N, C-alpha and C. Protein backbone atom coordinates (compact mmCIF):
# COMPACT_ATOMS: atom_id res chain seq x y z
N GLY A 1 339.37 247.28 -58.27
CA GLY A 1 338.96 246.98 -59.57
C GLY A 1 338.01 247.94 -60.24
N GLY A 2 336.74 247.89 -59.86
CA GLY A 2 335.72 248.61 -60.59
C GLY A 2 335.84 250.12 -60.50
N CYS A 3 336.01 250.64 -59.30
CA CYS A 3 336.14 252.09 -59.14
C CYS A 3 337.39 252.61 -59.83
N MET A 4 338.49 251.88 -59.72
CA MET A 4 339.73 252.32 -60.37
C MET A 4 339.58 252.28 -61.88
N SER A 5 338.97 251.23 -62.42
CA SER A 5 338.73 251.15 -63.86
C SER A 5 337.87 252.31 -64.33
N ALA A 6 336.80 252.59 -63.59
CA ALA A 6 335.90 253.69 -63.94
C ALA A 6 336.63 255.02 -63.90
N LEU A 7 337.46 255.21 -62.91
CA LEU A 7 338.21 256.45 -62.75
C LEU A 7 339.20 256.64 -63.91
N LEU A 8 339.92 255.60 -64.25
CA LEU A 8 340.88 255.68 -65.36
C LEU A 8 340.17 255.95 -66.68
N MET A 9 339.04 255.28 -66.91
CA MET A 9 338.28 255.50 -68.15
C MET A 9 337.73 256.93 -68.20
N ALA A 10 337.18 257.41 -67.10
CA ALA A 10 336.62 258.76 -67.06
C ALA A 10 337.69 259.81 -67.28
N ARG A 11 338.87 259.60 -66.70
CA ARG A 11 339.97 260.55 -66.87
C ARG A 11 340.47 260.59 -68.31
N ARG A 12 340.20 259.52 -69.06
CA ARG A 12 340.57 259.49 -70.48
C ARG A 12 339.47 260.07 -71.37
N GLY A 13 338.40 260.57 -70.74
CA GLY A 13 337.36 261.25 -71.49
C GLY A 13 336.14 260.42 -71.82
N PHE A 14 336.11 259.16 -71.42
CA PHE A 14 334.95 258.33 -71.68
C PHE A 14 333.80 258.72 -70.76
N SER A 15 332.60 258.57 -71.25
CA SER A 15 331.41 258.72 -70.42
C SER A 15 331.22 257.40 -69.68
N VAL A 16 331.14 257.44 -68.36
CA VAL A 16 331.13 256.23 -67.54
C VAL A 16 329.87 256.19 -66.68
N HIS A 17 329.22 255.03 -66.68
CA HIS A 17 328.07 254.82 -65.79
C HIS A 17 328.43 253.64 -64.89
N VAL A 18 328.49 253.89 -63.59
CA VAL A 18 328.84 252.86 -62.62
C VAL A 18 327.56 252.35 -61.98
N LEU A 19 327.39 251.03 -62.01
CA LEU A 19 326.30 250.40 -61.29
C LEU A 19 326.91 249.82 -60.01
N GLU A 20 326.64 250.49 -58.90
CA GLU A 20 327.27 250.15 -57.61
C GLU A 20 326.26 249.43 -56.73
N LYS A 21 326.64 248.25 -56.27
CA LYS A 21 325.76 247.45 -55.42
C LYS A 21 325.57 248.08 -54.04
N ARG A 22 326.61 248.72 -53.55
CA ARG A 22 326.55 249.31 -52.20
C ARG A 22 325.77 250.63 -52.21
N ALA A 23 325.40 251.07 -51.02
CA ALA A 23 324.73 252.36 -50.86
C ALA A 23 325.74 253.48 -51.05
N ASN A 24 325.24 254.66 -51.34
CA ASN A 24 326.09 255.84 -51.47
C ASN A 24 326.77 256.11 -50.13
N PRO A 25 328.09 256.11 -50.08
CA PRO A 25 328.78 256.32 -48.80
C PRO A 25 328.50 257.71 -48.20
N LYS A 26 327.99 258.64 -49.01
CA LYS A 26 327.68 259.97 -48.50
C LYS A 26 326.33 260.03 -47.78
N ASP A 27 325.48 259.01 -47.99
CA ASP A 27 324.18 258.98 -47.32
C ASP A 27 324.38 258.68 -45.84
N ALA A 28 323.58 259.31 -45.01
CA ALA A 28 323.71 259.14 -43.55
C ALA A 28 323.51 257.69 -43.15
N SER A 29 322.54 256.99 -43.75
CA SER A 29 322.29 255.60 -43.38
C SER A 29 323.47 254.71 -43.75
N ALA A 30 324.09 254.98 -44.89
CA ALA A 30 325.25 254.20 -45.31
C ALA A 30 326.44 254.50 -44.40
N GLN A 31 326.59 255.76 -44.01
CA GLN A 31 327.71 256.13 -43.13
C GLN A 31 327.59 255.44 -41.78
N SER A 32 326.38 255.39 -41.23
CA SER A 32 326.23 254.77 -39.92
C SER A 32 326.49 253.27 -39.98
N SER A 33 326.12 252.63 -41.11
CA SER A 33 326.37 251.19 -41.22
C SER A 33 327.82 250.89 -41.59
N HIS A 34 328.58 251.93 -41.99
CA HIS A 34 329.99 251.76 -42.32
C HIS A 34 330.89 252.51 -41.34
N SER A 35 330.39 252.78 -40.14
CA SER A 35 331.23 253.49 -39.19
C SER A 35 332.36 252.59 -38.74
N SER A 36 333.50 253.21 -38.42
CA SER A 36 334.66 252.43 -38.06
C SER A 36 335.29 252.96 -36.79
N ASP A 37 336.11 252.12 -36.18
CA ASP A 37 336.80 252.52 -34.97
C ASP A 37 338.11 253.23 -35.33
N VAL A 38 338.92 253.54 -34.34
CA VAL A 38 340.15 254.30 -34.57
C VAL A 38 341.16 253.56 -35.44
N PHE A 39 341.01 252.26 -35.58
CA PHE A 39 341.92 251.47 -36.39
C PHE A 39 341.39 251.25 -37.80
N GLY A 40 340.27 251.88 -38.14
CA GLY A 40 339.68 251.71 -39.46
C GLY A 40 338.85 250.45 -39.60
N GLN A 41 338.65 249.71 -38.51
CA GLN A 41 337.83 248.50 -38.54
C GLN A 41 336.36 248.90 -38.51
N LEU A 42 335.55 248.28 -39.37
CA LEU A 42 334.12 248.54 -39.34
C LEU A 42 333.56 248.04 -38.01
N THR A 43 332.73 248.87 -37.39
CA THR A 43 332.16 248.46 -36.11
C THR A 43 331.08 247.40 -36.29
N ASP A 44 330.43 247.35 -37.46
CA ASP A 44 329.46 246.31 -37.76
C ASP A 44 330.24 245.11 -38.31
N VAL A 45 330.39 244.09 -37.48
CA VAL A 45 331.22 242.93 -37.81
C VAL A 45 330.73 242.24 -39.09
N SER A 46 329.43 242.25 -39.35
CA SER A 46 328.91 241.56 -40.54
C SER A 46 329.34 242.23 -41.83
N LYS A 47 329.81 243.47 -41.78
CA LYS A 47 330.22 244.20 -42.98
C LYS A 47 331.75 244.22 -43.14
N ARG A 48 332.46 243.61 -42.21
CA ARG A 48 333.91 243.61 -42.29
C ARG A 48 334.41 242.73 -43.42
N SER A 49 335.55 243.12 -43.94
CA SER A 49 336.21 242.35 -44.99
C SER A 49 337.70 242.36 -44.68
N ILE A 50 338.39 241.36 -45.15
CA ILE A 50 339.82 241.32 -44.93
C ILE A 50 340.46 242.50 -45.66
N ASN A 51 341.49 243.07 -45.05
CA ASN A 51 342.19 244.20 -45.68
C ASN A 51 342.81 243.79 -47.00
N LEU A 52 343.02 244.79 -47.84
CA LEU A 52 343.72 244.58 -49.10
C LEU A 52 345.21 244.81 -48.90
N ALA A 53 346.01 244.08 -49.62
CA ALA A 53 347.46 244.31 -49.63
C ALA A 53 347.79 245.03 -50.92
N LEU A 54 348.26 246.24 -50.80
CA LEU A 54 348.63 247.05 -51.98
C LEU A 54 350.11 246.87 -52.27
N SER A 55 350.40 246.42 -53.46
CA SER A 55 351.80 246.29 -53.88
C SER A 55 352.15 247.51 -54.73
N GLU A 56 353.34 247.51 -55.28
CA GLU A 56 353.79 248.63 -56.12
C GLU A 56 352.88 248.83 -57.33
N ARG A 57 352.35 247.75 -57.87
CA ARG A 57 351.47 247.86 -59.04
C ARG A 57 350.19 248.64 -58.70
N GLY A 58 349.59 248.36 -57.54
CA GLY A 58 348.40 249.09 -57.11
C GLY A 58 348.71 250.54 -56.80
N ILE A 59 349.86 250.78 -56.20
CA ILE A 59 350.27 252.15 -55.87
C ILE A 59 350.53 252.93 -57.15
N ALA A 60 351.09 252.27 -58.17
CA ALA A 60 351.32 252.94 -59.46
C ALA A 60 350.00 253.39 -60.08
N ALA A 61 348.96 252.56 -59.98
CA ALA A 61 347.64 252.94 -60.49
C ALA A 61 347.09 254.13 -59.70
N LEU A 62 347.28 254.12 -58.40
CA LEU A 62 346.83 255.24 -57.57
C LEU A 62 347.59 256.52 -57.92
N ARG A 63 348.89 256.39 -58.24
CA ARG A 63 349.67 257.56 -58.67
C ARG A 63 349.08 258.16 -59.94
N LYS A 64 348.66 257.29 -60.87
CA LYS A 64 348.10 257.76 -62.15
C LYS A 64 346.87 258.63 -61.95
N VAL A 65 346.11 258.36 -60.89
CA VAL A 65 344.90 259.15 -60.65
C VAL A 65 345.09 260.17 -59.52
N GLY A 66 346.35 260.33 -59.06
CA GLY A 66 346.66 261.35 -58.07
C GLY A 66 346.21 261.05 -56.66
N LEU A 67 346.04 259.78 -56.33
CA LEU A 67 345.54 259.42 -55.00
C LEU A 67 346.52 258.62 -54.15
N SER A 68 347.75 258.44 -54.63
CA SER A 68 348.69 257.58 -53.89
C SER A 68 349.01 258.14 -52.52
N ASP A 69 349.25 259.44 -52.41
CA ASP A 69 349.59 260.02 -51.10
C ASP A 69 348.43 259.87 -50.12
N THR A 70 347.22 260.13 -50.57
CA THR A 70 346.04 260.02 -49.71
C THR A 70 345.87 258.60 -49.20
N VAL A 71 345.99 257.63 -50.11
CA VAL A 71 345.78 256.23 -49.74
C VAL A 71 346.93 255.71 -48.88
N LEU A 72 348.16 256.02 -49.25
CA LEU A 72 349.31 255.52 -48.47
C LEU A 72 349.31 256.06 -47.05
N ALA A 73 348.75 257.24 -46.84
CA ALA A 73 348.67 257.80 -45.48
C ALA A 73 347.79 256.94 -44.57
N ALA A 74 346.88 256.18 -45.17
CA ALA A 74 345.97 255.33 -44.40
C ALA A 74 346.43 253.88 -44.34
N CYS A 75 347.57 253.57 -44.93
CA CYS A 75 348.07 252.19 -44.99
C CYS A 75 349.00 251.86 -43.84
N LEU A 76 349.09 250.58 -43.58
CA LEU A 76 350.09 250.06 -42.64
C LEU A 76 351.07 249.22 -43.44
N PRO A 77 352.38 249.45 -43.24
CA PRO A 77 353.36 248.66 -43.98
C PRO A 77 353.43 247.22 -43.45
N MET A 78 353.55 246.28 -44.37
CA MET A 78 353.73 244.87 -43.99
C MET A 78 355.08 244.43 -44.56
N ARG A 79 355.98 244.10 -43.67
CA ARG A 79 357.32 243.76 -44.08
C ARG A 79 357.48 242.28 -44.44
N GLY A 80 356.55 241.45 -43.96
CA GLY A 80 356.63 240.02 -44.25
C GLY A 80 355.52 239.27 -43.56
N ARG A 81 355.59 237.96 -43.65
CA ARG A 81 354.60 237.12 -42.98
C ARG A 81 355.25 236.45 -41.78
N MET A 82 354.50 236.32 -40.71
CA MET A 82 355.00 235.67 -39.51
C MET A 82 354.58 234.20 -39.54
N ILE A 83 355.57 233.33 -39.47
CA ILE A 83 355.33 231.89 -39.46
C ILE A 83 355.39 231.41 -38.02
N HIS A 84 354.37 230.67 -37.62
CA HIS A 84 354.29 230.10 -36.27
C HIS A 84 354.49 228.59 -36.37
N THR A 85 355.53 228.09 -35.74
CA THR A 85 355.81 226.65 -35.80
C THR A 85 354.96 225.91 -34.78
N VAL A 86 354.89 224.60 -34.91
CA VAL A 86 354.13 223.79 -33.97
C VAL A 86 354.74 223.81 -32.57
N THR A 87 356.02 224.18 -32.47
CA THR A 87 356.67 224.25 -31.16
C THR A 87 356.51 225.62 -30.51
N GLY A 88 355.81 226.55 -31.21
CA GLY A 88 355.55 227.87 -30.63
C GLY A 88 356.55 228.94 -31.02
N GLU A 89 357.54 228.59 -31.81
CA GLU A 89 358.51 229.59 -32.26
C GLU A 89 357.91 230.40 -33.41
N THR A 90 358.42 231.60 -33.58
CA THR A 90 357.97 232.44 -34.70
C THR A 90 359.15 232.82 -35.57
N GLN A 91 358.86 233.02 -36.84
CA GLN A 91 359.90 233.42 -37.78
C GLN A 91 359.29 234.36 -38.80
N LEU A 92 359.91 235.53 -38.97
CA LEU A 92 359.44 236.49 -39.96
C LEU A 92 360.03 236.12 -41.31
N GLN A 93 359.17 235.96 -42.31
CA GLN A 93 359.61 235.73 -43.68
C GLN A 93 359.36 237.03 -44.45
N PRO A 94 360.42 237.79 -44.73
CA PRO A 94 360.24 239.09 -45.40
C PRO A 94 359.65 238.92 -46.80
N TYR A 95 358.84 239.90 -47.19
CA TYR A 95 358.28 239.90 -48.55
C TYR A 95 359.35 240.26 -49.58
N SER A 96 360.41 240.93 -49.12
CA SER A 96 361.45 241.36 -50.05
C SER A 96 362.80 241.28 -49.36
N LEU A 97 363.81 240.87 -50.10
CA LEU A 97 365.17 240.84 -49.55
C LEU A 97 365.77 242.24 -49.49
N SER A 98 365.21 243.17 -50.28
CA SER A 98 365.75 244.53 -50.30
C SER A 98 365.02 245.48 -49.35
N GLY A 99 364.12 244.93 -48.51
CA GLY A 99 363.45 245.77 -47.52
C GLY A 99 362.16 246.42 -47.99
N LYS A 100 361.73 246.12 -49.21
CA LYS A 100 360.47 246.69 -49.69
C LYS A 100 359.31 246.10 -48.91
N VAL A 101 358.22 246.86 -48.82
CA VAL A 101 357.05 246.42 -48.08
C VAL A 101 355.84 246.42 -49.02
N ILE A 102 354.81 245.71 -48.60
CA ILE A 102 353.50 245.88 -49.21
C ILE A 102 352.65 246.60 -48.17
N HIS A 103 351.56 247.20 -48.60
CA HIS A 103 350.79 248.06 -47.72
C HIS A 103 349.39 247.51 -47.50
N SER A 104 348.97 247.48 -46.26
CA SER A 104 347.65 246.99 -45.89
C SER A 104 346.70 248.17 -45.73
N ILE A 105 345.50 248.06 -46.32
CA ILE A 105 344.50 249.12 -46.20
C ILE A 105 343.11 248.49 -46.13
N SER A 106 342.23 249.16 -45.43
CA SER A 106 340.84 248.75 -45.37
C SER A 106 340.23 248.80 -46.76
N ARG A 107 339.61 247.73 -47.17
CA ARG A 107 338.94 247.64 -48.47
C ARG A 107 337.88 248.74 -48.59
N GLN A 108 337.12 248.94 -47.52
CA GLN A 108 336.05 249.95 -47.52
C GLN A 108 336.64 251.36 -47.67
N LEU A 109 337.71 251.63 -46.95
CA LEU A 109 338.33 252.96 -47.04
C LEU A 109 338.86 253.22 -48.45
N LEU A 110 339.53 252.26 -49.04
CA LEU A 110 340.04 252.44 -50.40
C LEU A 110 338.89 252.68 -51.38
N ASN A 111 337.83 251.87 -51.27
CA ASN A 111 336.67 252.07 -52.15
C ASN A 111 336.04 253.44 -51.95
N ASP A 112 335.96 253.90 -50.71
CA ASP A 112 335.37 255.21 -50.43
C ASP A 112 336.20 256.34 -51.03
N VAL A 113 337.53 256.24 -50.94
CA VAL A 113 338.41 257.27 -51.52
C VAL A 113 338.23 257.32 -53.04
N LEU A 114 338.19 256.15 -53.68
CA LEU A 114 338.01 256.10 -55.13
C LEU A 114 336.62 256.59 -55.54
N MET A 115 335.60 256.21 -54.79
CA MET A 115 334.23 256.64 -55.10
C MET A 115 334.10 258.16 -54.95
N GLU A 116 334.71 258.70 -53.93
CA GLU A 116 334.69 260.16 -53.70
C GLU A 116 335.29 260.89 -54.92
N GLU A 117 336.35 260.35 -55.45
CA GLU A 117 336.98 260.95 -56.62
C GLU A 117 336.09 260.82 -57.85
N LEU A 118 335.44 259.69 -58.00
CA LEU A 118 334.52 259.49 -59.12
C LEU A 118 333.36 260.48 -59.09
N LEU A 119 332.86 260.74 -57.88
CA LEU A 119 331.71 261.64 -57.73
C LEU A 119 332.03 263.07 -58.15
N LYS A 120 333.29 263.42 -58.24
CA LYS A 120 333.70 264.77 -58.63
C LYS A 120 333.68 264.98 -60.15
N LEU A 121 333.63 263.90 -60.91
CA LEU A 121 333.81 263.99 -62.36
C LEU A 121 332.47 264.17 -63.08
N PRO A 122 332.40 265.15 -64.01
CA PRO A 122 331.14 265.41 -64.70
C PRO A 122 330.73 264.34 -65.71
N ASN A 123 331.66 263.53 -66.18
CA ASN A 123 331.34 262.50 -67.17
C ASN A 123 331.09 261.13 -66.54
N VAL A 124 330.83 261.13 -65.20
CA VAL A 124 330.55 259.89 -64.49
C VAL A 124 329.18 259.98 -63.85
N SER A 125 328.37 258.96 -64.07
CA SER A 125 327.11 258.84 -63.33
C SER A 125 327.17 257.53 -62.56
N ILE A 126 326.61 257.55 -61.37
CA ILE A 126 326.66 256.38 -60.50
C ILE A 126 325.25 256.06 -60.01
N THR A 127 324.86 254.82 -60.18
CA THR A 127 323.61 254.35 -59.61
C THR A 127 323.96 253.47 -58.43
N PHE A 128 323.62 253.93 -57.23
CA PHE A 128 323.90 253.17 -56.02
C PHE A 128 322.77 252.17 -55.75
N GLU A 129 323.10 251.14 -55.01
CA GLU A 129 322.16 250.08 -54.67
C GLU A 129 321.55 249.45 -55.92
N ALA A 130 322.40 249.26 -56.93
CA ALA A 130 321.98 248.66 -58.20
C ALA A 130 322.29 247.17 -58.17
N GLN A 131 321.31 246.38 -58.54
CA GLN A 131 321.48 244.93 -58.59
C GLN A 131 321.36 244.50 -60.05
N ILE A 132 322.47 244.02 -60.62
CA ILE A 132 322.45 243.57 -62.01
C ILE A 132 321.69 242.25 -62.08
N GLN A 133 320.72 242.22 -62.99
CA GLN A 133 319.89 241.03 -63.14
C GLN A 133 320.26 240.22 -64.37
N LYS A 134 320.67 240.92 -65.44
CA LYS A 134 320.93 240.21 -66.69
C LYS A 134 321.82 241.06 -67.58
N VAL A 135 322.69 240.40 -68.33
CA VAL A 135 323.52 241.06 -69.33
C VAL A 135 323.33 240.31 -70.64
N ASP A 136 322.91 241.03 -71.67
CA ASP A 136 322.70 240.43 -72.99
C ASP A 136 323.95 240.61 -73.84
N SER A 137 324.09 239.78 -74.86
CA SER A 137 325.26 239.82 -75.72
C SER A 137 325.37 241.11 -76.53
N ASP A 138 324.27 241.87 -76.67
CA ASP A 138 324.32 243.14 -77.40
C ASP A 138 324.76 244.31 -76.51
N GLY A 139 325.13 244.02 -75.26
CA GLY A 139 325.58 245.07 -74.35
C GLY A 139 324.48 245.67 -73.50
N THR A 140 323.28 245.09 -73.55
CA THR A 140 322.17 245.59 -72.73
C THR A 140 322.26 244.98 -71.33
N VAL A 141 322.23 245.86 -70.36
CA VAL A 141 322.30 245.45 -68.96
C VAL A 141 320.96 245.77 -68.31
N THR A 142 320.36 244.77 -67.70
CA THR A 142 319.12 244.98 -66.95
C THR A 142 319.50 244.97 -65.47
N TYR A 143 319.09 246.03 -64.78
CA TYR A 143 319.41 246.12 -63.36
C TYR A 143 318.23 246.72 -62.61
N LYS A 144 318.24 246.50 -61.32
CA LYS A 144 317.19 247.02 -60.47
C LYS A 144 317.83 247.91 -59.42
N SER A 145 317.28 249.10 -59.26
CA SER A 145 317.64 249.96 -58.13
C SER A 145 316.31 250.25 -57.44
N ASP A 146 315.74 251.42 -57.67
CA ASP A 146 314.39 251.67 -57.14
C ASP A 146 313.35 250.95 -57.99
N THR A 147 313.57 250.92 -59.29
CA THR A 147 312.74 250.18 -60.24
C THR A 147 313.68 249.46 -61.21
N GLN A 148 313.10 248.73 -62.14
CA GLN A 148 313.93 248.02 -63.11
C GLN A 148 314.35 248.97 -64.24
N HIS A 149 315.61 248.87 -64.67
CA HIS A 149 316.16 249.73 -65.71
C HIS A 149 316.92 248.88 -66.71
N LYS A 150 317.10 249.45 -67.91
CA LYS A 150 317.96 248.84 -68.93
C LYS A 150 318.84 249.92 -69.50
N ILE A 151 320.10 249.58 -69.69
CA ILE A 151 321.03 250.47 -70.39
C ILE A 151 321.80 249.62 -71.39
N THR A 152 322.28 250.25 -72.43
CA THR A 152 323.08 249.55 -73.43
C THR A 152 324.41 250.27 -73.56
N SER A 153 325.46 249.49 -73.67
CA SER A 153 326.80 250.05 -73.74
C SER A 153 327.63 249.27 -74.76
N THR A 154 328.63 249.93 -75.31
CA THR A 154 329.55 249.25 -76.21
C THR A 154 330.67 248.55 -75.44
N MET A 155 330.83 248.93 -74.16
CA MET A 155 331.85 248.29 -73.33
C MET A 155 331.28 248.09 -71.93
N LEU A 156 331.50 246.92 -71.39
CA LEU A 156 331.05 246.59 -70.04
C LEU A 156 332.22 245.98 -69.29
N ILE A 157 332.52 246.54 -68.13
CA ILE A 157 333.57 245.98 -67.27
C ILE A 157 332.89 245.45 -66.02
N GLY A 158 332.93 244.15 -65.85
CA GLY A 158 332.35 243.52 -64.65
C GLY A 158 333.43 243.41 -63.59
N ALA A 159 333.24 244.12 -62.50
CA ALA A 159 334.25 244.11 -61.44
C ALA A 159 333.57 243.95 -60.08
N ASP A 160 332.60 243.07 -60.05
CA ASP A 160 331.84 242.92 -58.81
C ASP A 160 332.12 241.63 -58.08
N GLY A 161 333.27 241.05 -58.34
CA GLY A 161 333.73 239.96 -57.51
C GLY A 161 333.39 238.56 -57.97
N ALA A 162 333.67 237.62 -57.12
CA ALA A 162 333.59 236.21 -57.45
C ALA A 162 332.16 235.74 -57.75
N PHE A 163 331.17 236.37 -57.14
CA PHE A 163 329.79 235.92 -57.32
C PHE A 163 329.05 236.85 -58.28
N SER A 164 329.77 237.37 -59.26
CA SER A 164 329.25 238.33 -60.21
C SER A 164 328.15 237.75 -61.09
N ALA A 165 327.14 238.59 -61.37
CA ALA A 165 326.11 238.23 -62.35
C ALA A 165 326.63 238.47 -63.76
N VAL A 166 327.71 239.23 -63.88
CA VAL A 166 328.30 239.54 -65.18
C VAL A 166 329.24 238.42 -65.52
């Protein structure tokens, strides 16, 4: 959501300021807390999240920003769901009758790839470890990182999940 929206807006020439709750993935402390095993699983269990399932719509967005090949190389194809009956039998229910698959990827890995791309763009600024405290109807956002800050914008995209302050 948020990183992809920021990337698409920045590529269209908009000046973008991202308020990111997480630490900068390039910082050594953030890297150690986000280290993963050979399967892409975070070694710190408390930071794990369920993988994302990328469908054709998500892949199309990644194509638009030139990242589909990079991301798909890290995906595992999912051909369907496995149903387990009460008698112990299993049955594969394909996601598609024509053999199409959806792709599973680590949420953290996808976010890191998108963030890396954002960091390359001159019209993007990112404040890491930003905690949004308040959003006013005039577009003023109050947030805290090292100290308290206020910014005003004509457009605000809240993409910080179900427990969003936005």
